[in-house]
Amino acid sequence: MAGKKRFVYVEDVKGEAHNGGLVKPLITPDIIGSKGFRMVVAIYEPGKGRENHRHPSVEEAMFIIRGGGVMPVEGEDIPIKPGMALYIPPGAKHGYKNTGKEQMMMVAVISPPRESYEKA
């Protein structure tokens, strides 16, 4: 693992615009050299979020840091709020929307680390 960093600061990562939000890759095979997972932080403005989708062979864990909203998972609307952790198994239809008045920030861990998904 020579030459790879072992840490990264959120403020040092540029990120990519995504559906009214910003997704910043933190720990990935390219950035840190992780093998079995990818970690990102996602920040969404009020009223914004990610459309329903599914990862056929990827599991995902999320932790809500700030803000709140709703996360439809397989047809069940789950209210989300800070301090909450969620698990999305492979193939489960899910999305999320910031229904609050402040930014929603979450950390997502995806395994395996590729970001394959299909709209649901």
PDB file of N, CA and C in Angstrom:
ATOM      1  N   MET A   1       0.820  -1.183   0.000  1.00  0.00           N
ATOM      2  CA  MET A   1       0.000   0.000   0.000  1.00  0.00           C
ATOM      3  C   MET A   1       0.871   1.257   0.000  1.00  0.00           C
ATOM      4  N   ALA A   2       2.102   1.104  -0.376  1.00  0.00           N
ATOM      5  CA  ALA A   2       3.011   2.243  -0.421  1.00  0.00           C
ATOM      6  C   ALA A   2       2.481   3.294  -1.389  1.00  0.00           C
ATOM      7  N   GLY A   3       2.594   4.562  -0.989  1.00  0.00           N
ATOM      8  CA  GLY A   3       2.177   5.647  -1.865  1.00  0.00           C
ATOM      9  C   GLY A   3       0.720   6.049  -1.709  1.00  0.00           C
ATOM     10  N   LYS A   4      -0.100   5.261  -1.056  1.00  0.00           N
ATOM     11  CA  LYS A   4      -1.513   5.587  -0.857  1.00  0.00           C
ATOM     12  C   LYS A   4      -1.691   6.257   0.494  1.00  0.00           C
ATOM     13  N   LYS A   5      -2.630   7.207   0.544  1.00  0.00           N
ATOM     14  CA  LYS A   5      -2.962   7.858   1.803  1.00  0.00           C
ATOM     15  C   LYS A   5      -3.778   6.906   2.672  1.00  0.00           C
ATOM     16  N   ARG A   6      -3.788   7.157   3.961  1.00  0.00           N
ATOM     17  CA  ARG A   6      -4.612   6.377   4.888  1.00  0.00           C
ATOM     18  C   ARG A   6      -5.748   7.215   5.450  1.00  0.00           C
ATOM     19  N   PHE A   7      -5.798   8.491   5.122  1.00  0.00           N
ATOM     20  CA  PHE A   7      -6.870   9.350   5.605  1.00  0.00           C
ATOM     21  C   PHE A   7      -7.140  10.452   4.584  1.00  0.00           C
ATOM     22  N   VAL A   8      -8.313  11.059   4.707  1.00  0.00           N
ATOM     23  CA  VAL A   8      -8.691  12.179   3.851  1.00  0.00           C
ATOM     24  C   VAL A   8      -9.655  13.057   4.640  1.00  0.00           C
ATOM     25  N   TYR A   9      -9.598  14.354   4.416  1.00  0.00           N
ATOM     26  CA  TYR A   9     -10.525  15.295   5.043  1.00  0.00           C
ATOM     27  C   TYR A   9     -11.638  15.639   4.055  1.00  0.00           C
ATOM     28  N   VAL A  10     -12.872  15.669   4.527  1.00  0.00           N
ATOM     29  CA  VAL A  10     -14.023  15.969   3.670  1.00  0.00           C
ATOM     30  C   VAL A  10     -13.797  17.268   2.913  1.00  0.00           C
ATOM     31  N   GLU A  11     -13.306  18.296   3.595  1.00  0.00           N
ATOM     32  CA  GLU A  11     -13.141  19.604   2.949  1.00  0.00           C
ATOM     33  C   GLU A  11     -12.092  19.595   1.845  1.00  0.00           C
ATOM     34  N   ASP A  12     -11.236  18.579   1.794  1.00  0.00           N
ATOM     35  CA  ASP A  12     -10.214  18.491   0.760  1.00  0.00           C
ATOM     36  C   ASP A  12     -10.695  17.783  -0.505  1.00  0.00           C
ATOM     37  N   VAL A  13     -11.900  17.209  -0.462  1.00  0.00           N
ATOM     38  CA  VAL A  13     -12.422  16.441  -1.602  1.00  0.00           C
ATOM     39  C   VAL A  13     -13.377  17.320  -2.402  1.00  0.00           C
ATOM     40  N   LYS A  14     -13.163  17.392  -3.701  1.00  0.00           N
ATOM     41  CA  LYS A  14     -13.962  18.256  -4.571  1.00  0.00           C
ATOM     42  C   LYS A  14     -15.418  17.800  -4.640  1.00  0.00           C
ATOM     43  N   GLY A  15     -15.673  16.556  -4.927  1.00  0.00           N
ATOM     44  CA  GLY A  15     -17.031  16.041  -5.040  1.00  0.00           C
ATOM     45  C   GLY A  15     -17.625  16.246  -6.414  1.00  0.00           C
ATOM     46  N   GLU A  16     -18.782  15.626  -6.617  1.00  0.00           N
ATOM     47  CA  GLU A  16     -19.485  15.688  -7.896  1.00  0.00           C
ATOM     48  C   GLU A  16     -20.936  16.067  -7.636  1.00  0.00           C
ATOM     49  N   ALA A  17     -21.472  16.981  -8.454  1.00  0.00           N
ATOM     50  CA  ALA A  17     -22.878  17.366  -8.345  1.00  0.00           C
ATOM     51  C   ALA A  17     -23.748  16.161  -8.676  1.00  0.00           C
ATOM     52  N   HIS A  18     -24.820  15.988  -7.896  1.00  0.00           N
ATOM     53  CA  HIS A  18     -25.697  14.836  -8.102  1.00  0.00           C
ATOM     54  C   HIS A  18     -27.105  15.144  -7.622  1.00  0.00           C
ATOM     55  N   ASN A  19     -28.048  15.345  -8.548  1.00  0.00           N
ATOM     56  CA  ASN A  19     -29.470  15.550  -8.227  1.00  0.00           C
ATOM     57  C   ASN A  19     -29.705  16.604  -7.148  1.00  0.00           C
ATOM     58  N   GLY A  20     -29.097  17.763  -7.271  1.00  0.00           N
ATOM     59  CA  GLY A  20     -29.283  18.813  -6.284  1.00  0.00           C
ATOM     60  C   GLY A  20     -28.450  18.620  -5.036  1.00  0.00           C
ATOM     61  N   GLY A  21     -27.485  17.745  -5.134  1.00  0.00           N
ATOM     62  CA  GLY A  21     -26.622  17.485  -3.995  1.00  0.00           C
ATOM     63  C   GLY A  21     -25.172  17.413  -4.423  1.00  0.00           C
ATOM     64  N   LEU A  22     -24.351  17.035  -3.489  1.00  0.00           N
ATOM     65  CA  LEU A  22     -22.926  16.896  -3.735  1.00  0.00           C
ATOM     66  C   LEU A  22     -22.469  15.588  -3.112  1.00  0.00           C
ATOM     67  N   VAL A  23     -21.813  14.746  -3.902  1.00  0.00           N
ATOM     68  CA  VAL A  23     -21.300  13.465  -3.421  1.00  0.00           C
ATOM     69  C   VAL A  23     -19.777  13.527  -3.454  1.00  0.00           C
ATOM     70  N   LYS A  24     -19.163  13.283  -2.285  1.00  0.00           N
ATOM     71  CA  LYS A  24     -17.711  13.346  -2.161  1.00  0.00           C
ATOM     72  C   LYS A  24     -17.162  11.965  -1.826  1.00  0.00           C
ATOM     73  N   PRO A  25     -16.386  11.359  -2.735  1.00  0.00           N
ATOM     74  CA  PRO A  25     -15.751  10.083  -2.412  1.00  0.00           C
ATOM     75  C   PRO A  25     -14.642  10.298  -1.389  1.00  0.00           C
ATOM     76  N   LEU A  26     -14.671   9.526  -0.318  1.00  0.00           N
ATOM     77  CA  LEU A  26     -13.672   9.668   0.737  1.00  0.00           C
ATOM     78  C   LEU A  26     -12.665   8.524   0.723  1.00  0.00           C
ATOM     79  N   ILE A  27     -13.173   7.310   0.819  1.00  0.00           N
ATOM     80  CA  ILE A  27     -12.306   6.133   0.814  1.00  0.00           C
ATOM     81  C   ILE A  27     -12.729   5.260  -0.365  1.00  0.00           C
ATOM     82  N   THR A  28     -11.831   5.107  -1.320  1.00  0.00           N
ATOM     83  CA  THR A  28     -12.094   4.314  -2.519  1.00  0.00           C
ATOM     84  C   THR A  28     -10.812   3.578  -2.895  1.00  0.00           C
ATOM     85  N   PRO A  29     -10.928   2.614  -3.800  1.00  0.00           N
ATOM     86  CA  PRO A  29      -9.699   1.955  -4.264  1.00  0.00           C
ATOM     87  C   PRO A  29      -8.702   2.949  -4.860  1.00  0.00           C
ATOM     88  N   ASP A  30      -9.183   3.977  -5.575  1.00  0.00           N
ATOM     89  CA  ASP A  30      -8.287   4.943  -6.210  1.00  0.00           C
ATOM     90  C   ASP A  30      -7.666   5.915  -5.219  1.00  0.00           C
ATOM     91  N   ILE A  31      -8.434   6.373  -4.242  1.00  0.00           N
ATOM     92  CA  ILE A  31      -7.953   7.408  -3.321  1.00  0.00           C
ATOM     93  C   ILE A  31      -7.104   6.823  -2.194  1.00  0.00           C
ATOM     94  N   ILE A  32      -7.600   5.788  -1.548  1.00  0.00           N
ATOM     95  CA  ILE A  32      -6.952   5.226  -0.356  1.00  0.00           C
ATOM     96  C   ILE A  32      -6.339   3.852  -0.624  1.00  0.00           C
ATOM     97  N   GLY A  33      -6.938   3.123  -1.561  1.00  0.00           N
ATOM     98  CA  GLY A  33      -6.463   1.766  -1.818  1.00  0.00           C
ATOM     99  C   GLY A  33      -7.325   0.706  -1.170  1.00  0.00           C
ATOM    100  N   SER A  34      -8.551   1.082  -0.759  1.00  0.00           N
ATOM    101  CA  SER A  34      -9.452   0.098  -0.147  1.00  0.00           C
ATOM    102  C   SER A  34      -9.762  -1.007  -1.147  1.00  0.00           C
ATOM    103  N   LYS A  35      -9.979  -2.186  -0.638  1.00  0.00           N
ATOM    104  CA  LYS A  35     -10.240  -3.345  -1.505  1.00  0.00           C
ATOM    105  C   LYS A  35     -11.711  -3.760  -1.525  1.00  0.00           C
ATOM    106  N   GLY A  36     -12.354  -3.728  -0.353  1.00  0.00           N
ATOM    107  CA  GLY A  36     -13.685  -4.317  -0.264  1.00  0.00           C
ATOM    108  C   GLY A  36     -14.837  -3.352  -0.123  1.00  0.00           C
ATOM    109  N   PHE A  37     -14.567  -2.036  -0.067  1.00  0.00           N
ATOM    110  CA  PHE A  37     -15.661  -1.086   0.090  1.00  0.00           C
ATOM    111  C   PHE A  37     -15.272   0.285  -0.430  1.00  0.00           C
ATOM    112  N   ARG A  38     -16.282   1.130  -0.537  1.00  0.00           N
ATOM    113  CA  ARG A  38     -16.132   2.526  -0.932  1.00  0.00           C
ATOM    114  C   ARG A  38     -16.936   3.357   0.062  1.00  0.00           C
ATOM    115  N   MET A  39     -16.400   4.485   0.536  1.00  0.00           N
ATOM    116  CA  MET A  39     -17.122   5.366   1.456  1.00  0.00           C
ATOM    117  C   MET A  39     -17.245   6.741   0.826  1.00  0.00           C
ATOM    118  N   VAL A  40     -18.473   7.282   0.852  1.00  0.00           N
ATOM    119  CA  VAL A  40     -18.721   8.618   0.337  1.00  0.00           C
ATOM    120  C   VAL A  40     -19.516   9.408   1.368  1.00  0.00           C
ATOM    121  N   VAL A  41     -19.451  10.733   1.266  1.00  0.00           N
ATOM    122  CA  VAL A  41     -20.351  11.589   2.016  1.00  0.00           C
ATOM    123  C   VAL A  41     -21.235  12.272   0.975  1.00  0.00           C
ATOM    124  N   ALA A  42     -22.536  12.325   1.258  1.00  0.00           N
ATOM    125  CA  ALA A  42     -23.499  12.943   0.352  1.00  0.00           C
ATOM    126  C   ALA A  42     -24.201  14.076   1.086  1.00  0.00           C
ATOM    127  N   ILE A  43     -24.313  15.212   0.420  1.00  0.00           N
ATOM    128  CA  ILE A  43     -24.947  16.390   0.995  1.00  0.00           C
ATOM    129  C   ILE A  43     -26.044  16.830   0.035  1.00  0.00           C
ATOM    130  N   TYR A  44     -27.283  16.912   0.540  1.00  0.00           N
ATOM    131  CA  TYR A  44     -28.424  17.291  -0.295  1.00  0.00           C
ATOM    132  C   TYR A  44     -29.139  18.492   0.282  1.00  0.00           C
ATOM    133  N   GLU A  45     -29.481  19.424  -0.594  1.00  0.00           N
ATOM    134  CA  GLU A  45     -30.244  20.613  -0.220  1.00  0.00           C
ATOM    135  C   GLU A  45     -31.697  20.221   0.055  1.00  0.00           C
ATOM    136  N   PRO A  46     -32.439  21.071   0.778  1.00  0.00           N
ATOM    137  CA  PRO A  46     -33.862  20.793   1.018  1.00  0.00           C
ATOM    138  C   PRO A  46     -34.615  20.548  -0.293  1.00  0.00           C
ATOM    139  N   GLY A  47     -35.457  19.530  -0.277  1.00  0.00           N
ATOM    140  CA  GLY A  47     -36.252  19.172  -1.449  1.00  0.00           C
ATOM    141  C   GLY A  47     -35.539  18.311  -2.468  1.00  0.00           C
ATOM    142  N   LYS A  48     -34.257  18.053  -2.282  1.00  0.00           N
ATOM    143  CA  LYS A  48     -33.464  17.274  -3.242  1.00  0.00           C
ATOM    144  C   LYS A  48     -33.148  15.896  -2.675  1.00  0.00           C
ATOM    145  N   GLY A  49     -32.697  14.993  -3.539  1.00  0.00           N
ATOM    146  CA  GLY A  49     -32.345  13.649  -3.114  1.00  0.00           C
ATOM    147  C   GLY A  49     -31.951  12.799  -4.301  1.00  0.00           C
ATOM    148  N   ARG A  50     -32.056  11.526  -4.125  1.00  0.00           N
ATOM    149  CA  ARG A  50     -31.690  10.573  -5.189  1.00  0.00           C
ATOM    150  C   ARG A  50     -32.903   9.756  -5.571  1.00  0.00           C
ATOM    151  N   GLU A  51     -33.103   9.586  -6.868  1.00  0.00           N
ATOM    152  CA  GLU A  51     -34.242   8.821  -7.378  1.00  0.00           C
ATOM    153  C   GLU A  51     -34.139   7.358  -6.942  1.00  0.00           C
ATOM    154  N   ASN A  52     -35.271   6.672  -6.980  1.00  0.00           N
ATOM    155  CA  ASN A  52     -35.267   5.243  -6.651  1.00  0.00           C
ATOM    156  C   ASN A  52     -34.350   4.502  -7.620  1.00  0.00           C
ATOM    157  N   HIS A  53     -33.572   3.612  -7.062  1.00  0.00           N
ATOM    158  CA  HIS A  53     -32.632   2.819  -7.847  1.00  0.00           C
ATOM    159  C   HIS A  53     -32.326   1.546  -7.068  1.00  0.00           C
ATOM    160  N   ARG A  54     -31.565   0.680  -7.658  1.00  0.00           N
ATOM    161  CA  ARG A  54     -31.127  -0.533  -6.965  1.00  0.00           C
ATOM    162  C   ARG A  54     -29.725  -0.893  -7.424  1.00  0.00           C
ATOM    163  N   HIS A  55     -28.990  -1.532  -6.542  1.00  0.00           N
ATOM    164  CA  HIS A  55     -27.651  -2.038  -6.843  1.00  0.00           C
ATOM    165  C   HIS A  55     -27.789  -3.570  -6.861  1.00  0.00           C
ATOM    166  N   PRO A  56     -27.777  -4.190  -8.027  1.00  0.00           N
ATOM    167  CA  PRO A  56     -28.030  -5.632  -8.098  1.00  0.00           C
ATOM    168  C   PRO A  56     -27.115  -6.500  -7.237  1.00  0.00           C
ATOM    169  N   SER A  57     -25.848  -6.134  -7.126  1.00  0.00           N
ATOM    170  CA  SER A  57     -24.919  -6.991  -6.368  1.00  0.00           C
ATOM    171  C   SER A  57     -24.106  -6.205  -5.346  1.00  0.00           C
ATOM    172  N   VAL A  58     -24.638  -5.072  -4.905  1.00  0.00           N
ATOM    173  CA  VAL A  58     -23.917  -4.207  -3.980  1.00  0.00           C
ATOM    174  C   VAL A  58     -24.758  -3.988  -2.730  1.00  0.00           C
ATOM    175  N   GLU A  59     -24.154  -4.126  -1.544  1.00  0.00           N
ATOM    176  CA  GLU A  59     -24.859  -3.759  -0.321  1.00  0.00           C
ATOM    177  C   GLU A  59     -24.381  -2.382   0.105  1.00  0.00           C
ATOM    178  N   GLU A  60     -25.252  -1.673   0.835  1.00  0.00           N
ATOM    179  CA  GLU A  60     -24.959  -0.296   1.195  1.00  0.00           C
ATOM    180  C   GLU A  60     -25.387  -0.040   2.640  1.00  0.00           C
ATOM    181  N   ALA A  61     -24.544   0.654   3.365  1.00  0.00           N
ATOM    182  CA  ALA A  61     -24.875   1.084   4.726  1.00  0.00           C
ATOM    183  C   ALA A  61     -24.794   2.601   4.734  1.00  0.00           C
ATOM    184  N   MET A  62     -25.760   3.239   5.403  1.00  0.00           N
ATOM    185  CA  MET A  62     -25.793   4.700   5.457  1.00  0.00           C
ATOM    186  C   MET A  62     -25.903   5.159   6.898  1.00  0.00           C
ATOM    187  N   PHE A  63     -25.295   6.311   7.180  1.00  0.00           N
ATOM    188  CA  PHE A  63     -25.403   6.931   8.492  1.00  0.00           C
ATOM    189  C   PHE A  63     -25.754   8.394   8.277  1.00  0.00           C
ATOM    190  N   ILE A  64     -26.848   8.838   8.884  1.00  0.00           N
ATOM    191  CA  ILE A  64     -27.317  10.206   8.718  1.00  0.00           C
ATOM    192  C   ILE A  64     -26.618  11.094   9.757  1.00  0.00           C
ATOM    193  N   ILE A  65     -25.930  12.114   9.277  1.00  0.00           N
ATOM    194  CA  ILE A  65     -25.179  13.016  10.147  1.00  0.00           C
ATOM    195  C   ILE A  65     -25.998  14.253  10.498  1.00  0.00           C
ATOM    196  N   ARG A  66     -26.659  14.828   9.494  1.00  0.00           N
ATOM    197  CA  ARG A  66     -27.380  16.082   9.708  1.00  0.00           C
ATOM    198  C   ARG A  66     -28.591  16.131   8.776  1.00  0.00           C
ATOM    199  N   GLY A  67     -29.612  16.865   9.194  1.00  0.00           N
ATOM    200  CA  GLY A  67     -30.819  17.017   8.393  1.00  0.00           C
ATOM    201  C   GLY A  67     -31.725  15.811   8.536  1.00  0.00           C
ATOM    202  N   GLY A  68     -32.671  15.712   7.652  1.00  0.00           N
ATOM    203  CA  GLY A  68     -33.595  14.594   7.720  1.00  0.00           C
ATOM    204  C   GLY A  68     -34.402  14.496   6.445  1.00  0.00           C
ATOM    205  N   GLY A  69     -35.176  13.452   6.386  1.00  0.00           N
ATOM    206  CA  GLY A  69     -35.967  13.240   5.186  1.00  0.00           C
ATOM    207  C   GLY A  69     -36.680  11.918   5.227  1.00  0.00           C
ATOM    208  N   VAL A  70     -36.850  11.373   4.049  1.00  0.00           N
ATOM    209  CA  VAL A  70     -37.526  10.088   3.915  1.00  0.00           C
ATOM    210  C   VAL A  70     -36.718   9.224   2.952  1.00  0.00           C
ATOM    211  N   MET A  71     -36.682   7.932   3.262  1.00  0.00           N
ATOM    212  CA  MET A  71     -35.999   6.969   2.413  1.00  0.00           C
ATOM    213  C   MET A  71     -36.963   5.836   2.079  1.00  0.00           C
ATOM    214  N   PRO A  72     -37.482   5.839   0.849  1.00  0.00           N
ATOM    215  CA  PRO A  72     -38.294   4.698   0.448  1.00  0.00           C
ATOM    216  C   PRO A  72     -37.393   3.481   0.206  1.00  0.00           C
ATOM    217  N   VAL A  73     -37.691   2.377   0.882  1.00  0.00           N
ATOM    218  CA  VAL A  73     -36.946   1.130   0.693  1.00  0.00           C
ATOM    219  C   VAL A  73     -37.966   0.031   0.425  1.00  0.00           C
ATOM    220  N   GLU A  74     -37.934  -0.514  -0.787  1.00  0.00           N
ATOM    221  CA  GLU A  74     -38.861  -1.581  -1.172  1.00  0.00           C
ATOM    222  C   GLU A  74     -40.316  -1.221  -0.846  1.00  0.00           C
ATOM    223  N   GLY A  75     -40.688   0.046  -1.136  1.00  0.00           N
ATOM    224  CA  GLY A  75     -42.069   0.466  -0.949  1.00  0.00           C
ATOM    225  C   GLY A  75     -42.422   0.984   0.437  1.00  0.00           C
ATOM    226  N   GLU A  76     -41.516   0.871   1.404  1.00  0.00           N
ATOM    227  CA  GLU A  76     -41.767   1.379   2.750  1.00  0.00           C
ATOM    228  C   GLU A  76     -41.039   2.715   2.924  1.00  0.00           C
ATOM    229  N   ASP A  77     -41.778   3.772   3.263  1.00  0.00           N
ATOM    230  CA  ASP A  77     -41.171   5.079   3.494  1.00  0.00           C
ATOM    231  C   ASP A  77     -40.615   5.133   4.911  1.00  0.00           C
ATOM    232  N   ILE A  78     -39.303   5.213   5.021  1.00  0.00           N
ATOM    233  CA  ILE A  78     -38.639   5.237   6.326  1.00  0.00           C
ATOM    234  C   ILE A  78     -38.214   6.673   6.621  1.00  0.00           C
ATOM    235  N   PRO A  79     -38.749   7.277   7.699  1.00  0.00           N
ATOM    236  CA  PRO A  79     -38.273   8.613   8.081  1.00  0.00           C
ATOM    237  C   PRO A  79     -36.823   8.514   8.555  1.00  0.00           C
ATOM    238  N   ILE A  80     -35.978   9.405   8.055  1.00  0.00           N
ATOM    239  CA  ILE A  80     -34.573   9.371   8.453  1.00  0.00           C
ATOM    240  C   ILE A  80     -34.212  10.660   9.184  1.00  0.00           C
ATOM    241  N   LYS A  81     -33.304  10.512  10.175  1.00  0.00           N
ATOM    242  CA  LYS A  81     -32.882  11.663  10.972  1.00  0.00           C
ATOM    243  C   LYS A  81     -31.460  11.432  11.471  1.00  0.00           C
ATOM    244  N   PRO A  82     -30.812  12.478  11.974  1.00  0.00           N
ATOM    245  CA  PRO A  82     -29.428  12.341  12.439  1.00  0.00           C
ATOM    246  C   PRO A  82     -29.272  11.256  13.500  1.00  0.00           C
ATOM    247  N   GLY A  83     -28.148  10.558  13.409  1.00  0.00           N
ATOM    248  CA  GLY A  83     -27.844   9.493  14.351  1.00  0.00           C
ATOM    249  C   GLY A  83     -28.385   8.139  13.936  1.00  0.00           C
ATOM    250  N   MET A  84     -29.033   8.078  12.790  1.00  0.00           N
ATOM    251  CA  MET A  84     -29.672   6.843  12.322  1.00  0.00           C
ATOM    252  C   MET A  84     -28.773   6.133  11.308  1.00  0.00           C
ATOM    253  N   ALA A  85     -28.682   4.812  11.437  1.00  0.00           N
ATOM    254  CA  ALA A  85     -27.948   3.982  10.480  1.00  0.00           C
ATOM    255  C   ALA A  85     -28.950   3.099   9.746  1.00  0.00           C
ATOM    256  N   LEU A  86     -28.717   2.888   8.457  1.00  0.00           N
ATOM    257  CA  LEU A  86     -29.607   2.062   7.634  1.00  0.00           C
ATOM    258  C   LEU A  86     -28.785   1.072   6.828  1.00  0.00           C
ATOM    259  N   TYR A  87     -29.371  -0.072   6.555  1.00  0.00           N
ATOM    260  CA  TYR A  87     -28.731  -1.095   5.726  1.00  0.00           C
ATOM    261  C   TYR A  87     -29.621  -1.364   4.519  1.00  0.00           C
ATOM    262  N   ILE A  88     -29.022  -1.342   3.333  1.00  0.00           N
ATOM    263  CA  ILE A  88     -29.731  -1.630   2.088  1.00  0.00           C
ATOM    264  C   ILE A  88     -29.096  -2.883   1.484  1.00  0.00           C
ATOM    265  N   PRO A  89     -29.832  -4.004   1.468  1.00  0.00           N
ATOM    266  CA  PRO A  89     -29.255  -5.232   0.897  1.00  0.00           C
ATOM    267  C   PRO A  89     -29.166  -5.163  -0.628  1.00  0.00           C
ATOM    268  N   PRO A  90     -28.354  -6.001  -1.227  1.00  0.00           N
ATOM    269  CA  PRO A  90     -28.241  -6.026  -2.689  1.00  0.00           C
ATOM    270  C   PRO A  90     -29.613  -6.213  -3.331  1.00  0.00           C
ATOM    271  N   GLY A  91     -29.864  -5.435  -4.388  1.00  0.00           N
ATOM    272  CA  GLY A  91     -31.100  -5.569  -5.148  1.00  0.00           C
ATOM    273  C   GLY A  91     -32.302  -4.831  -4.587  1.00  0.00           C
ATOM    274  N   ALA A  92     -32.203  -4.235  -3.395  1.00  0.00           N
ATOM    275  CA  ALA A  92     -33.347  -3.547  -2.795  1.00  0.00           C
ATOM    276  C   ALA A  92     -33.560  -2.187  -3.458  1.00  0.00           C
ATOM    277  N   LYS A  93     -34.788  -1.930  -3.851  1.00  0.00           N
ATOM    278  CA  LYS A  93     -35.161  -0.639  -4.435  1.00  0.00           C
ATOM    279  C   LYS A  93     -35.160   0.408  -3.323  1.00  0.00           C
ATOM    280  N   HIS A  94     -34.431   1.519  -3.536  1.00  0.00           N
ATOM    281  CA  HIS A  94     -34.348   2.569  -2.530  1.00  0.00           C
ATOM    282  C   HIS A  94     -33.995   3.910  -3.166  1.00  0.00           C
ATOM    283  N   GLY A  95     -34.208   4.961  -2.414  1.00  0.00           N
ATOM    284  CA  GLY A  95     -33.867   6.322  -2.803  1.00  0.00           C
ATOM    285  C   GLY A  95     -33.896   7.150  -1.532  1.00  0.00           C
ATOM    286  N   TYR A  96     -33.781   8.451  -1.642  1.00  0.00           N
ATOM    287  CA  TYR A  96     -33.910   9.305  -0.462  1.00  0.00           C
ATOM    288  C   TYR A  96     -34.169  10.726  -0.896  1.00  0.00           C
ATOM    289  N   LYS A  97     -34.824  11.463   0.006  1.00  0.00           N
ATOM    290  CA  LYS A  97     -35.146  12.860  -0.260  1.00  0.00           C
ATOM    291  C   LYS A  97     -35.048  13.655   1.030  1.00  0.00           C
ATOM    292  N   ASN A  98     -34.428  14.814   0.930  1.00  0.00           N
ATOM    293  CA  ASN A  98     -34.329  15.738   2.055  1.00  0.00           C
ATOM    294  C   ASN A  98     -35.665  16.476   2.148  1.00  0.00           C
ATOM    295  N   THR A  99     -36.428  16.213   3.183  1.00  0.00           N
ATOM    296  CA  THR A  99     -37.724  16.870   3.374  1.00  0.00           C
ATOM    297  C   THR A  99     -37.643  17.969   4.426  1.00  0.00           C
ATOM    298  N   GLY A 100     -36.446  18.242   4.931  1.00  0.00           N
ATOM    299  CA  GLY A 100     -36.269  19.252   5.968  1.00  0.00           C
ATOM    300  C   GLY A 100     -35.970  20.622   5.402  1.00  0.00           C
ATOM    301  N   LYS A 101     -35.559  21.524   6.295  1.00  0.00           N
ATOM    302  CA  LYS A 101     -35.268  22.906   5.920  1.00  0.00           C
ATOM    303  C   LYS A 101     -33.773  23.207   5.900  1.00  0.00           C
ATOM    304  N   GLU A 102     -32.944  22.228   6.245  1.00  0.00           N
ATOM    305  CA  GLU A 102     -31.494  22.403   6.211  1.00  0.00           C
ATOM    306  C   GLU A 102     -30.877  21.314   5.340  1.00  0.00           C
ATOM    307  N   GLN A 103     -29.591  21.444   5.051  1.00  0.00           N
ATOM    308  CA  GLN A 103     -28.898  20.413   4.287  1.00  0.00           C
ATOM    309  C   GLN A 103     -28.988  19.077   5.017  1.00  0.00           C
ATOM    310  N   MET A 104     -29.098  18.016   4.239  1.00  0.00           N
ATOM    311  CA  MET A 104     -29.023  16.661   4.779  1.00  0.00           C
ATOM    312  C   MET A 104     -27.647  16.119   4.406  1.00  0.00           C
ATOM    313  N   MET A 105     -26.946  15.573   5.396  1.00  0.00           N
ATOM    314  CA  MET A 105     -25.623  15.005   5.148  1.00  0.00           C
ATOM    315  C   MET A 105     -25.614  13.571   5.644  1.00  0.00           C
ATOM    316  N   MET A 106     -25.125  12.665   4.808  1.00  0.00           N
ATOM    317  CA  MET A 106     -25.032  11.259   5.179  1.00  0.00           C
ATOM    318  C   MET A 106     -23.722  10.671   4.683  1.00  0.00           C
ATOM    319  N   VAL A 107     -23.303   9.621   5.348  1.00  0.00           N
ATOM    320  CA  VAL A 107     -22.158   8.839   4.913  1.00  0.00           C
ATOM    321  C   VAL A 107     -22.704   7.516   4.401  1.00  0.00           C
ATOM    322  N   ALA A 108     -22.202   7.077   3.248  1.00  0.00           N
ATOM    323  CA  ALA A 108     -22.610   5.788   2.690  1.00  0.00           C
ATOM    324  C   ALA A 108     -21.370   4.926   2.472  1.00  0.00           C
ATOM    325  N   VAL A 109     -21.502   3.661   2.822  1.00  0.00           N
ATOM    326  CA  VAL A 109     -20.443   2.675   2.589  1.00  0.00           C
ATOM    327  C   VAL A 109     -21.015   1.641   1.629  1.00  0.00           C
ATOM    328  N   ILE A 110     -20.330   1.433   0.514  1.00  0.00           N
ATOM    329  CA  ILE A 110     -20.803   0.557  -0.560  1.00  0.00           C
ATOM    330  C   ILE A 110     -19.807  -0.592  -0.705  1.00  0.00           C
ATOM    331  N   SER A 111     -20.344  -1.826  -0.763  1.00  0.00           N
ATOM    332  CA  SER A 111     -19.483  -2.994  -0.900  1.00  0.00           C
ATOM    333  C   SER A 111     -20.125  -4.013  -1.842  1.00  0.00           C
ATOM    334  N   PRO A 112     -19.398  -4.491  -2.838  1.00  0.00           N
ATOM    335  CA  PRO A 112     -18.046  -4.101  -3.225  1.00  0.00           C
ATOM    336  C   PRO A 112     -18.006  -2.645  -3.688  1.00  0.00           C
ATOM    337  N   PRO A 113     -16.800  -2.084  -3.859  1.00  0.00           N
ATOM    338  CA  PRO A 113     -16.650  -0.643  -4.014  1.00  0.00           C
ATOM    339  C   PRO A 113     -17.107  -0.031  -5.333  1.00  0.00           C
ATOM    340  N   ARG A 114     -17.546  -0.810  -6.270  1.00  0.00           N
ATOM    341  CA  ARG A 114     -17.988  -0.196  -7.523  1.00  0.00           C
ATOM    342  C   ARG A 114     -19.375   0.404  -7.345  1.00  0.00           C
ATOM    343  N   GLU A 115     -19.669   1.422  -8.130  1.00  0.00           N
ATOM    344  CA  GLU A 115     -20.947   2.138  -8.015  1.00  0.00           C
ATOM    345  C   GLU A 115     -21.848   1.720  -9.160  1.00  0.00           C
ATOM    346  N   SER A 116     -22.215   0.455  -9.217  1.00  0.00           N
ATOM    347  CA  SER A 116     -23.132   0.020 -10.253  1.00  0.00           C
ATOM    348  C   SER A 116     -24.554   0.120  -9.721  1.00  0.00           C
ATOM    349  N   TYR A 117     -25.450   0.682 -10.528  1.00  0.00           N
ATOM    350  CA  TYR A 117     -26.846   0.755 -10.117  1.00  0.00           C
ATOM    351  C   TYR A 117     -27.727   0.810 -11.348  1.00  0.00           C
ATOM    352  N   GLU A 118     -28.984   0.550 -11.141  1.00  0.00           N
ATOM    353  CA  GLU A 118     -29.966   0.676 -12.198  1.00  0.00           C
ATOM    354  C   GLU A 118     -31.172   1.382 -11.634  1.00  0.00           C
ATOM    355  N   LYS A 119     -31.801   2.226 -12.457  1.00  0.00           N
ATOM    356  CA  LYS A 119     -32.997   2.930 -12.017  1.00  0.00           C
ATOM    357  C   LYS A 119     -34.094   1.921 -11.744  1.00  0.00           C
ATOM    358  N   ALA A 120     -34.878   2.168 -10.706  1.00  0.00           N
ATOM    359  CA  ALA A 120     -35.954   1.243 -10.333  1.00  0.00           C
ATOM    360  C   ALA A 120     -37.312   1.881 -10.563  1.00  0.00           C
TER     361      ALA A 120
END
